[in-house]
């Protein structure tokens, strides 16, 4: 780590009346004095000298030792030791020295640390310069500066002991109390899932912004705009399951002007189409009747069917943000200097067990492998730049080989993966977890569902006296209208 040595002339140890010492502004906003601390100074004096300098008026200014000086005053001791050196009243130098001194004694809180970095920023220091002067990591300083600018993030650090990186993510959502509360919950109770929840909230915010104009227009037309699917205990009937008394499709013209009509605006996950579904509480009062696609009476869904559909919708929604977090993790993982010790073995697994996936990706130019490695893919049809990259950086050959395998498997994952896990998808997600990736709940289903089905197959095979086959790799298709 680069550090900067602050040159100074040798100092002198002096014993000075604590009441005559000037206490400089400190990065700690408070110096708590306990009765035990004061009693210790009263009985033993100040054992560890403080650190300071003389100002232009000749006064001794303590730079490091605020708590000991205040304790000495409270204890009523006549003198205390202070190491007096040549110094100045420069703000940057003061903050840096106090940061280092406090860190070496009793660690600052993250709130205090972020406030100190903010002061240095005000003095014109960049995050890189602050990192060099204090020894802290630049990314952590950037997070701390973001936190210091936000009352919401600062309060989260102080109240919930959130780390600076998690708290910095709150800044993006500080105008959304619901999202902020959800992120605080994940940071404090499920920190391994925090990045997944941040991505879910980002995508939800973008979706909300896209749907807002349509929702506003529906509200102007007199509809009750809802933002969630009707619950099982709500007596609402989807207009799509109804027809007019003459058996015709119900249009918006049939609904405008009637009270109690609710509208839900959604975006279909596969087609991207904006869909508006309408619901009414009393179809008969509006002259509507229930029907199915053939015009016959439709049987209402059972509670089990409703629960299954809710699970389907929620997990499908969760897949996209999980994919974004996973691919960001893969990018960082492949940039590491050292790969896991079993990387070569997994590459061999990829070239055998996953050979069809790898072959398919290779025929298409390994686009995702380029993306994960941060290599620009040539614009030519099926162009690839991986071979040239390895030739120029032979020490990265294993990284590229692993990227080719991982990208080939990753490229075939979809929302169908959690619903119909295969031995390939199970092997892939299990290995990512072993390498330190924190699986989201929907990704964990890939493993859990595969193991459940495998156990069921083994039991059935044992009963029938037949050999057990692994679940085959399925072509990923879309099943059902799962929004």
Protein backbone atom coordinates (compact mmCIF):
# COMPACT_ATOMS: atom_id res chain seq x y z
CA UNK A 1 0.00 0.00 0.00
CA UNK A 2 1.37 3.46 -0.87
CA UNK A 3 1.71 5.78 2.08
CA UNK A 4 3.07 9.28 2.45
CA UNK A 5 5.57 10.05 5.20
CA UNK A 6 5.01 13.45 6.82
CA UNK A 7 8.43 14.89 7.60
CA UNK A 8 8.75 16.86 10.83
CA UNK A 9 11.51 17.84 13.26
CA UNK A 10 11.94 15.93 16.50
CA UNK A 11 9.45 16.91 19.18
CA UNK A 12 9.78 17.58 22.93
CA UNK A 13 7.84 15.84 25.70
CA UNK A 14 6.37 18.47 28.02
CA UNK A 15 4.10 18.28 31.08
CA UNK A 16 1.43 20.95 30.77
CA UNK A 17 -1.70 22.03 32.68
CA UNK A 18 -4.59 20.39 30.74
CA UNK A 19 -6.73 23.51 31.24
CA UNK A 20 -4.25 25.58 29.25
CA UNK A 21 -4.23 23.21 26.30
CA UNK A 22 -6.29 24.12 23.22
CA UNK A 23 -8.24 21.18 21.79
CA UNK A 24 -8.27 21.24 17.99
CA UNK A 25 -11.40 20.36 16.03
CA UNK A 26 -11.43 16.55 15.85
CA UNK A 27 -12.80 14.08 13.32
CA UNK A 28 -14.61 12.47 16.23
CA UNK A 29 -17.69 14.61 16.94
CA UNK A 30 -17.67 13.53 20.59
CA UNK A 31 -15.26 12.16 23.18
CA UNK A 32 -17.29 10.08 25.66
CA UNK A 33 -15.90 10.24 29.20
CA UNK A 34 -16.88 7.39 31.48
CA UNK A 35 -16.58 7.59 35.29
CA UNK A 36 -14.10 4.70 35.11
CA UNK A 37 -11.91 6.57 32.61
CA UNK A 38 -11.84 9.75 34.74
CA UNK A 39 -11.13 7.76 37.89
CA UNK A 40 -8.23 6.02 36.16
CA UNK A 41 -6.67 9.36 35.21
CA UNK A 42 -7.27 10.73 38.72
CA UNK A 43 -5.45 7.75 40.25
CA UNK A 44 -2.71 7.20 37.68
CA UNK A 45 -2.50 10.34 35.61
CA UNK A 46 -2.32 10.38 31.79
CA UNK A 47 0.07 7.52 30.97
CA UNK A 48 0.16 7.84 27.18
CA UNK A 49 1.31 11.28 25.99
CA UNK A 50 -0.94 13.24 23.69
CA UNK A 51 0.33 14.86 20.50
CA UNK A 52 0.26 18.54 19.56
CA UNK A 53 2.05 21.68 18.43
CA UNK A 54 2.39 25.36 19.39
CA UNK A 55 0.36 27.85 17.40
CA UNK A 56 1.36 31.40 16.44
CA UNK A 57 0.28 32.68 19.88
CA UNK A 58 2.48 30.12 21.63
CA UNK A 59 -0.45 28.04 22.87
CA UNK A 60 -0.13 24.26 22.89
CA UNK A 61 -2.77 22.77 20.59
CA UNK A 62 -3.57 19.08 21.06
CA UNK A 63 -4.10 17.32 17.75
CA UNK A 64 -4.38 13.71 18.93
CA UNK A 65 -5.59 13.07 22.46
CA UNK A 66 -8.88 14.94 22.76
CA UNK A 67 -10.42 12.39 25.15
CA UNK A 68 -7.35 12.19 27.39
CA UNK A 69 -7.16 15.98 27.66
CA UNK A 70 -10.84 16.32 28.60
CA UNK A 71 -10.46 13.44 31.06
CA UNK A 72 -7.46 15.12 32.69
CA UNK A 73 -9.47 18.31 33.12
CA UNK A 74 -12.36 16.40 34.71
CA UNK A 75 -9.98 14.47 36.97
CA UNK A 76 -8.33 17.70 38.16
CA UNK A 77 -4.74 16.61 37.53
CA UNK A 78 -2.13 19.36 37.60
CA UNK A 79 -0.25 18.39 34.45
CA UNK A 80 -0.34 15.88 31.66
CA UNK A 81 2.30 14.76 29.14
CA UNK A 82 2.10 16.07 25.59
CA UNK A 83 4.54 15.46 22.80
CA UNK A 84 5.00 18.90 21.21
CA UNK A 85 6.29 18.95 17.63
CA UNK A 86 6.65 21.52 14.90
CA UNK A 87 3.33 21.76 13.14
CA UNK A 88 0.85 23.93 11.38
CA UNK A 89 -2.87 24.50 11.42
CA UNK A 90 -3.47 23.10 7.94
CA UNK A 91 -6.86 21.44 7.76
CA UNK A 92 -5.81 18.55 5.53
CA UNK A 93 -2.83 17.64 7.67
CA UNK A 94 -4.91 17.81 10.85
CA UNK A 95 -7.65 15.53 9.53
CA UNK A 96 -5.18 12.99 8.12
CA UNK A 97 -3.21 12.81 11.36
CA UNK A 98 -6.35 12.47 13.46
CA UNK A 99 -7.73 9.77 11.17
CA UNK A 100 -4.55 7.73 11.48
CA UNK A 101 -4.21 8.32 15.22
CA UNK A 102 -7.81 7.34 15.93
CA UNK A 103 -7.61 4.26 13.72
CA UNK A 104 -4.46 3.11 15.53
CA UNK A 105 -6.09 3.48 18.94
CA UNK A 106 -9.82 2.75 18.77
CA UNK A 107 -11.45 2.41 15.35
CA UNK A 108 -13.61 5.25 14.20
CA UNK A 109 -17.22 4.50 13.42
CA UNK A 110 -18.11 4.45 9.73
CA UNK A 111 -20.14 7.64 10.19
CA UNK A 112 -17.11 9.43 11.68
CA UNK A 113 -14.84 8.03 9.00
CA UNK A 114 -17.16 9.15 6.18
CA UNK A 115 -17.47 12.63 7.70
CA UNK A 116 -13.68 12.94 7.85
CA UNK A 117 -13.31 11.88 4.21
CA UNK A 118 -15.97 14.44 3.32
CA UNK A 119 -13.96 17.16 5.06
CA UNK A 120 -10.90 16.16 3.07
CA UNK A 121 -13.00 16.24 -0.10
CA UNK A 122 -14.09 19.78 0.76
CA UNK A 123 -10.42 20.67 1.02
CA UNK A 124 -9.95 19.60 -2.60
CA UNK A 125 -8.63 16.06 -2.19
CA UNK A 126 -9.86 13.44 -4.67
CA UNK A 127 -10.81 9.93 -3.50
CA UNK A 128 -7.48 8.67 -4.84
CA UNK A 129 -5.58 11.35 -2.91
CA UNK A 130 -7.52 10.59 0.28
CA UNK A 131 -6.74 6.89 -0.17
CA UNK A 132 -3.04 7.64 -0.55
CA UNK A 133 -2.94 9.89 2.50
CA UNK A 134 -5.00 7.67 4.83
CA UNK A 135 -4.34 4.13 3.59
CA UNK A 136 -8.05 3.43 3.00
CA UNK A 137 -9.26 1.82 -0.23
CA UNK A 138 -10.47 4.21 -2.93
CA UNK A 139 -13.75 2.38 -3.55
CA UNK A 140 -14.53 2.48 0.17
CA UNK A 141 -13.80 6.20 0.26
CA UNK A 142 -16.15 6.77 -2.70
CA UNK A 143 -18.87 4.88 -0.82
CA UNK A 144 -18.19 6.90 2.31
CA UNK A 145 -18.42 10.20 0.43
CA UNK A 146 -21.76 9.14 -1.05
CA UNK A 147 -23.03 8.21 2.41
CA UNK A 148 -21.87 11.51 3.94
CA UNK A 149 -24.02 13.43 1.43
CA UNK A 150 -27.18 11.53 2.32
CA UNK A 151 -29.08 11.81 5.59
CA UNK A 152 -30.85 8.54 4.81
CA UNK A 153 -27.61 6.61 4.26
CA UNK A 154 -25.85 8.21 7.24
CA UNK A 155 -28.77 7.34 9.51
CA UNK A 156 -28.75 3.74 8.24
CA UNK A 157 -25.06 3.38 9.12
CA UNK A 158 -25.57 4.84 12.58
CA UNK A 159 -28.82 3.07 13.43
CA UNK A 160 -28.44 -0.31 11.74
CA UNK A 161 -24.62 -0.58 11.58
CA UNK A 162 -24.80 -0.97 7.80
CA UNK A 163 -21.42 -0.99 6.10
CA UNK A 164 -20.55 1.95 3.88
CA UNK A 165 -20.89 -0.01 0.63
CA UNK A 166 -24.44 -1.10 1.45
CA UNK A 167 -25.41 2.32 2.78
CA UNK A 168 -24.10 4.01 -0.38
CA UNK A 169 -26.60 1.99 -2.39
CA UNK A 170 -29.43 3.62 -0.40
CA UNK A 171 -28.59 7.03 -1.89
CA UNK A 172 -30.11 5.94 -5.20
CA UNK A 173 -33.44 5.17 -3.47
CA UNK A 174 -33.61 7.76 -0.68
CA UNK A 175 -36.75 9.29 -2.20
CA UNK A 176 -38.49 5.89 -2.02
CA UNK A 177 -39.23 4.92 1.58
CA UNK A 178 -40.55 1.48 0.63
CA UNK A 179 -37.44 0.58 -1.37
CA UNK A 180 -35.14 1.98 1.31
CA UNK A 181 -36.84 -0.04 4.04
CA UNK A 182 -36.53 -3.20 1.94
CA UNK A 183 -32.83 -2.62 1.32
CA UNK A 184 -32.17 -1.96 5.01
CA UNK A 185 -33.95 -5.21 5.82
CA UNK A 186 -31.73 -7.15 3.40
CA UNK A 187 -28.54 -5.41 4.56
CA UNK A 188 -29.20 -6.25 8.20
CA UNK A 189 -30.77 -9.70 7.91
CA UNK A 190 -29.73 -11.12 4.51
CA UNK A 191 -26.53 -9.31 3.49
CA UNK A 192 -25.51 -11.99 0.98
CA UNK A 193 -28.67 -11.17 -0.99
CA UNK A 194 -28.26 -7.39 -0.81
CA UNK A 195 -26.92 -6.91 -4.37
CA UNK A 196 -29.77 -8.99 -5.75
CA UNK A 197 -32.31 -6.81 -3.95
CA UNK A 198 -30.62 -3.62 -5.18
CA UNK A 199 -30.94 -4.85 -8.75
CA UNK A 200 -34.58 -5.83 -8.21
CA UNK A 201 -35.33 -2.36 -6.86
CA UNK A 202 -33.53 -0.72 -9.80
CA UNK A 203 -35.56 -2.67 -12.31
CA UNK A 204 -38.77 -2.02 -10.40
CA UNK A 205 -38.02 1.71 -10.37
CA UNK A 206 -37.40 1.72 -14.13
CA UNK A 207 -40.61 -0.23 -14.69
CA UNK A 208 -42.59 2.13 -12.44
CA UNK A 209 -41.33 5.11 -14.45
CA UNK A 210 -42.39 3.44 -17.69
CA UNK A 211 -45.85 2.55 -16.42
CA UNK A 212 -46.56 5.85 -14.60
CA UNK A 213 -47.95 7.80 -17.61
CA UNK A 214 -50.35 4.97 -18.46
CA UNK A 215 -51.47 4.67 -14.85
CA UNK A 216 -52.06 8.43 -14.69
CA UNK A 217 -54.23 8.29 -17.83
CA UNK A 218 -56.30 5.44 -16.37
CA UNK A 219 -56.81 7.39 -13.16
CA UNK A 220 -58.05 10.38 -15.17
CA UNK A 221 -60.61 8.09 -16.80
CA UNK A 222 -61.96 7.18 -13.37
CA UNK A 223 -60.40 3.74 -12.87
CA UNK A 224 -58.94 2.60 -9.58
CA UNK A 225 -55.28 1.99 -10.39
CA UNK A 226 -53.67 -0.88 -8.53
CA UNK A 227 -49.97 -1.90 -8.54
CA UNK A 228 -50.20 -5.55 -7.49
CA UNK A 229 -52.05 -8.64 -8.60
CA UNK A 230 -55.34 -9.19 -6.72
CA UNK A 231 -54.90 -11.32 -3.59
CA UNK A 232 -56.68 -14.61 -3.05
CA UNK A 233 -58.93 -12.95 -0.47
CA UNK A 234 -60.07 -10.13 -2.79
CA UNK A 235 -63.45 -10.60 -4.44
CA UNK A 236 -62.33 -9.32 -7.83
CA UNK A 237 -63.09 -10.89 -11.20
CA UNK A 238 -60.79 -10.36 -14.16
CA UNK A 239 -62.65 -8.73 -17.05
CA UNK A 240 -60.74 -11.01 -19.40
CA UNK A 241 -62.81 -13.90 -18.00
CA UNK A 242 -66.08 -12.06 -18.68
CA UNK A 243 -68.29 -11.25 -21.64
CA UNK A 244 -71.20 -8.93 -22.25
CA UNK A 245 -74.73 -10.26 -21.92
CA UNK A 246 -74.63 -10.88 -25.68
CA UNK A 247 -71.40 -12.88 -25.40
CA UNK A 248 -69.20 -10.17 -26.89
CA UNK A 249 -65.72 -9.18 -25.73
CA UNK A 250 -65.70 -6.44 -23.11
CA UNK A 251 -63.94 -3.27 -24.25
CA UNK A 252 -62.83 -0.22 -22.30
CA UNK A 253 -65.96 1.56 -23.49
CA UNK A 254 -68.04 -0.94 -21.50
CA UNK A 255 -66.06 -0.03 -18.35
CA UNK A 256 -65.68 3.75 -18.47
CA UNK A 257 -68.14 5.54 -16.23
CA UNK A 258 -68.70 2.61 -13.85
CA UNK A 259 -67.52 2.88 -10.25
CA UNK A 260 -65.25 0.30 -8.66
CA UNK A 261 -63.48 -0.84 -11.83
CA UNK A 262 -59.81 -1.50 -11.04
CA UNK A 263 -56.94 -1.49 -13.53
CA UNK A 264 -53.54 -3.14 -13.27
CA UNK A 265 -50.79 -2.13 -15.70
CA UNK A 266 -48.04 -4.70 -16.29
CA UNK A 267 -45.26 -5.37 -18.76
CA UNK A 268 -44.99 -8.85 -20.22
CA UNK A 269 -41.53 -10.16 -19.34
CA UNK A 270 -40.99 -11.89 -22.69
CA UNK A 271 -42.59 -9.62 -25.30
CA UNK A 272 -42.15 -6.30 -23.51
CA UNK A 273 -45.76 -5.45 -24.31
CA UNK A 274 -47.60 -3.14 -21.89
CA UNK A 275 -50.79 -4.87 -20.77
CA UNK A 276 -53.75 -3.43 -18.86
CA UNK A 277 -55.95 -5.90 -16.99
CA UNK A 278 -59.27 -4.75 -15.56
CA UNK A 279 -61.14 -6.17 -12.57
CA UNK A 280 -64.68 -5.73 -11.23
CA UNK A 281 -66.30 -6.82 -8.00
CA UNK A 282 -69.85 -7.42 -9.23
CA UNK A 283 -70.00 -8.60 -12.87
CA UNK A 284 -73.77 -9.14 -12.76
CA UNK A 285 -74.41 -5.54 -11.73
CA UNK A 286 -72.58 -4.45 -14.89
CA UNK A 287 -74.44 -6.94 -17.07
CA UNK A 288 -71.41 -9.20 -17.57
CA UNK A 289 -71.21 -12.98 -17.43
CA UNK A 290 -68.32 -15.38 -16.89
CA UNK A 291 -66.96 -17.41 -19.76
CA UNK A 292 -63.92 -19.29 -20.94
CA UNK A 293 -62.41 -19.31 -24.43
CA UNK A 294 -65.37 -21.35 -25.74
CA UNK A 295 -68.00 -19.19 -24.07
CA UNK A 296 -68.67 -21.77 -21.34
CA UNK A 297 -68.58 -21.08 -17.62
CA UNK A 298 -65.04 -20.90 -16.28
CA UNK A 299 -64.23 -22.79 -13.10
CA UNK A 300 -62.59 -20.51 -10.51
CA UNK A 301 -58.98 -21.23 -9.61
CA UNK A 302 -58.37 -23.21 -6.43
CA UNK A 303 -56.27 -21.72 -3.62
CA UNK A 304 -53.44 -24.08 -4.56
CA UNK A 305 -53.58 -22.96 -8.19
CA UNK A 306 -53.58 -19.32 -7.13
CA UNK A 307 -50.55 -19.90 -4.86
CA UNK A 308 -48.73 -21.70 -7.67
CA UNK A 309 -49.43 -18.86 -10.09
CA UNK A 310 -48.23 -16.24 -7.56
CA UNK A 311 -45.01 -18.20 -7.11
CA UNK A 312 -44.57 -18.43 -10.88
CA UNK A 313 -45.03 -14.70 -11.39
CA UNK A 314 -42.76 -13.66 -8.49
CA UNK A 315 -39.93 -16.01 -9.42
CA UNK A 316 -40.09 -15.00 -13.08
CA UNK A 317 -39.82 -11.36 -12.01
CA UNK A 318 -36.88 -12.20 -9.74
CA UNK A 319 -34.91 -13.95 -12.48
CA UNK A 320 -33.88 -10.86 -14.49
CA UNK A 321 -32.29 -8.93 -11.59
CA UNK A 322 -30.62 -12.14 -10.40
CA UNK A 323 -29.15 -12.61 -13.88
CA UNK A 324 -27.77 -9.06 -13.88
CA UNK A 325 -26.08 -9.55 -10.50
CA UNK A 326 -24.77 -12.98 -11.50
CA UNK A 327 -23.18 -11.74 -14.71
CA UNK A 328 -21.61 -8.79 -12.90
CA UNK A 329 -20.14 -11.29 -10.42
CA UNK A 330 -18.84 -13.48 -13.27
CA UNK A 331 -17.13 -10.44 -14.80
CA UNK A 332 -15.39 -9.63 -11.51
CA UNK A 333 -14.58 -13.31 -10.91
CA UNK A 334 -12.85 -13.68 -14.27
CA UNK A 335 -10.81 -10.51 -13.65
CA UNK A 336 -9.19 -11.96 -10.54
CA UNK A 337 -5.50 -12.67 -10.67
CA UNK A 338 -5.89 -16.20 -9.31
CA UNK A 339 -8.67 -18.61 -10.24
CA UNK A 340 -9.95 -21.39 -7.93
CA UNK A 341 -7.76 -24.48 -7.71
CA UNK A 342 -10.45 -26.57 -9.40
CA UNK A 343 -10.84 -24.21 -12.38
CA UNK A 344 -9.00 -26.58 -14.73
CA UNK A 345 -11.20 -29.48 -13.64
CA UNK A 346 -14.34 -27.45 -14.32
CA UNK A 347 -13.02 -26.50 -17.76
CA UNK A 348 -12.65 -30.22 -18.47
CA UNK A 349 -16.23 -30.75 -17.25
CA UNK A 350 -17.37 -28.00 -19.60
CA UNK A 351 -15.67 -29.58 -22.60
CA UNK A 352 -17.30 -32.94 -21.84
CA UNK A 353 -20.56 -32.66 -19.92
CA UNK A 354 -21.38 -29.26 -21.42
CA UNK A 355 -19.85 -29.97 -24.85
CA UNK A 356 -23.04 -29.19 -26.78
CA UNK A 357 -23.46 -25.86 -24.98
CA UNK A 358 -19.81 -24.92 -25.57
CA UNK A 359 -20.04 -25.93 -29.23
CA UNK A 360 -23.18 -23.88 -29.74
CA UNK A 361 -21.60 -20.80 -28.14
CA UNK A 362 -18.38 -21.22 -30.15
CA UNK A 363 -20.33 -21.37 -33.41
CA UNK A 364 -21.86 -18.03 -32.51
CA UNK A 365 -18.53 -16.36 -31.74
CA UNK A 366 -18.69 -16.60 -27.92
CA UNK A 367 -20.27 -13.17 -27.59
CA UNK A 368 -20.95 -13.48 -23.86
CA UNK A 369 -17.40 -14.71 -23.20
CA UNK A 370 -16.09 -11.51 -24.80
CA UNK A 371 -18.43 -9.46 -22.61
CA UNK A 372 -17.43 -11.21 -19.38
CA UNK A 373 -13.73 -10.75 -20.17
CA UNK A 374 -14.15 -7.13 -21.25
CA UNK A 375 -12.87 -7.87 -24.77
CA UNK A 376 -14.46 -6.10 -27.72
CA UNK A 377 -15.85 -8.58 -30.19
CA UNK A 378 -15.15 -7.82 -33.87
CA UNK A 379 -18.14 -6.59 -35.81
CA UNK A 380 -17.75 -9.24 -38.48
CA UNK A 381 -20.24 -12.11 -38.63
CA UNK A 382 -19.40 -14.57 -35.83
CA UNK A 383 -16.13 -12.73 -35.26
CA UNK A 384 -14.02 -13.51 -32.21
CA UNK A 385 -11.00 -11.90 -30.54
CA UNK A 386 -10.30 -14.48 -27.83
CA UNK A 387 -7.51 -16.28 -29.70
CA UNK A 388 -5.61 -13.06 -30.30
CA UNK A 389 -6.10 -12.08 -26.66
CA UNK A 390 -4.56 -15.36 -25.47
CA UNK A 391 -1.68 -15.03 -27.92
CA UNK A 392 -0.83 -11.58 -26.54
CA UNK A 393 -1.41 -12.62 -22.91
CA UNK A 394 -0.55 -16.31 -22.59
CA UNK A 395 -0.79 -16.18 -18.78
CA UNK A 396 -4.53 -15.53 -19.21
CA UNK A 397 -5.16 -18.71 -21.17
CA UNK A 398 -6.94 -20.44 -18.30
CA UNK A 399 -9.09 -17.36 -17.65
CA UNK A 400 -10.22 -17.35 -21.27
CA UNK A 401 -10.87 -21.10 -21.27
CA UNK A 402 -12.98 -20.81 -18.14
CA UNK A 403 -14.83 -17.81 -19.57
CA UNK A 404 -15.68 -19.79 -22.72
CA UNK A 405 -17.20 -22.59 -20.63
CA UNK A 406 -19.02 -20.36 -18.15
CA UNK A 407 -20.40 -18.07 -20.85
CA UNK A 408 -21.67 -21.05 -22.86
CA UNK A 409 -23.64 -22.35 -19.88
CA UNK A 410 -24.76 -18.93 -18.72
CA UNK A 411 -26.03 -17.98 -22.16
CA UNK A 412 -28.55 -20.85 -22.07
CA UNK A 413 -30.04 -19.95 -18.70
CA UNK A 414 -33.49 -18.38 -18.63
CA UNK A 415 -36.60 -18.13 -16.46
CA UNK A 416 -37.27 -21.71 -17.44
CA UNK A 417 -34.09 -22.78 -15.64
CA UNK A 418 -35.59 -22.51 -12.17
CA UNK A 419 -38.77 -24.25 -13.31
CA UNK A 420 -37.13 -27.16 -15.13
CA UNK A 421 -33.59 -27.55 -13.79
CA UNK A 422 -31.35 -30.09 -15.50
CA UNK A 423 -28.14 -31.78 -14.39
CA UNK A 424 -26.23 -29.12 -16.35
CA UNK A 425 -27.92 -26.14 -14.71
CA UNK A 426 -27.62 -27.81 -11.29
CA UNK A 427 -23.88 -28.40 -11.80
CA UNK A 428 -23.38 -24.81 -12.94
CA UNK A 429 -25.17 -23.05 -10.10
CA UNK A 430 -23.76 -25.39 -7.46
CA UNK A 431 -20.23 -24.64 -8.66
CA UNK A 432 -20.82 -20.88 -8.65
CA UNK A 433 -21.99 -21.16 -5.05
CA UNK A 434 -18.86 -23.13 -4.14
CA UNK A 435 -16.75 -20.38 -5.66
CA UNK A 436 -18.37 -17.76 -3.44
CA UNK A 437 -21.32 -16.47 -5.44
CA UNK A 438 -24.32 -15.75 -3.20
CA UNK A 439 -27.28 -17.41 -4.89
CA UNK A 440 -30.54 -15.49 -4.84
CA UNK A 441 -33.68 -17.31 -3.75
CA UNK A 442 -34.79 -18.03 -7.32
CA UNK A 443 -31.31 -19.31 -8.24
CA UNK A 444 -31.30 -21.56 -5.18
CA UNK A 445 -34.48 -23.14 -6.57
CA UNK A 446 -32.40 -24.52 -9.47
CA UNK A 447 -30.44 -26.61 -6.97
CA UNK A 448 -33.31 -27.46 -4.64
CA UNK A 449 -35.73 -28.50 -7.37
CA UNK A 450 -33.12 -30.59 -9.15
CA UNK A 451 -32.20 -32.45 -5.96
CA UNK A 452 -35.88 -32.99 -5.10
CA UNK A 453 -36.63 -34.40 -8.56
CA UNK A 454 -33.45 -36.51 -8.51
CA UNK A 455 -34.45 -38.02 -5.16
CA UNK A 456 -37.93 -38.73 -6.51
CA UNK A 457 -36.50 -40.38 -9.63
CA UNK A 458 -34.16 -42.53 -7.55
CA UNK A 459 -37.00 -43.66 -5.32
CA UNK A 460 -39.18 -44.55 -8.31
CA UNK A 461 -36.30 -46.35 -10.05
CA UNK A 462 -35.48 -48.32 -6.93
CA UNK A 463 -39.09 -49.38 -6.60
CA UNK A 464 -39.18 -50.44 -10.26
CA UNK A 465 -35.72 -52.03 -10.16
CA UNK A 466 -34.47 -49.83 -13.02
CA UNK A 467 -31.31 -47.67 -13.41
CA UNK A 468 -31.51 -43.94 -12.68
CA UNK A 469 -30.84 -41.39 -15.39
CA UNK A 470 -29.93 -37.78 -14.69
CA UNK A 471 -32.46 -35.16 -15.70
CA UNK A 472 -31.74 -34.34 -19.29
CA UNK A 473 -30.75 -30.90 -20.49
CA UNK A 474 -33.98 -29.32 -21.74
CA UNK A 475 -34.42 -26.86 -24.54
CA UNK A 476 -35.55 -23.72 -22.78
CA UNK A 477 -39.04 -22.82 -23.89
CA UNK A 478 -41.74 -20.63 -22.45
CA UNK A 479 -44.66 -22.35 -20.80
CA UNK A 480 -47.86 -20.60 -19.91
CA UNK A 481 -48.84 -16.97 -19.59
CA UNK A 482 -46.66 -16.11 -16.61
CA UNK A 483 -46.42 -12.36 -17.15
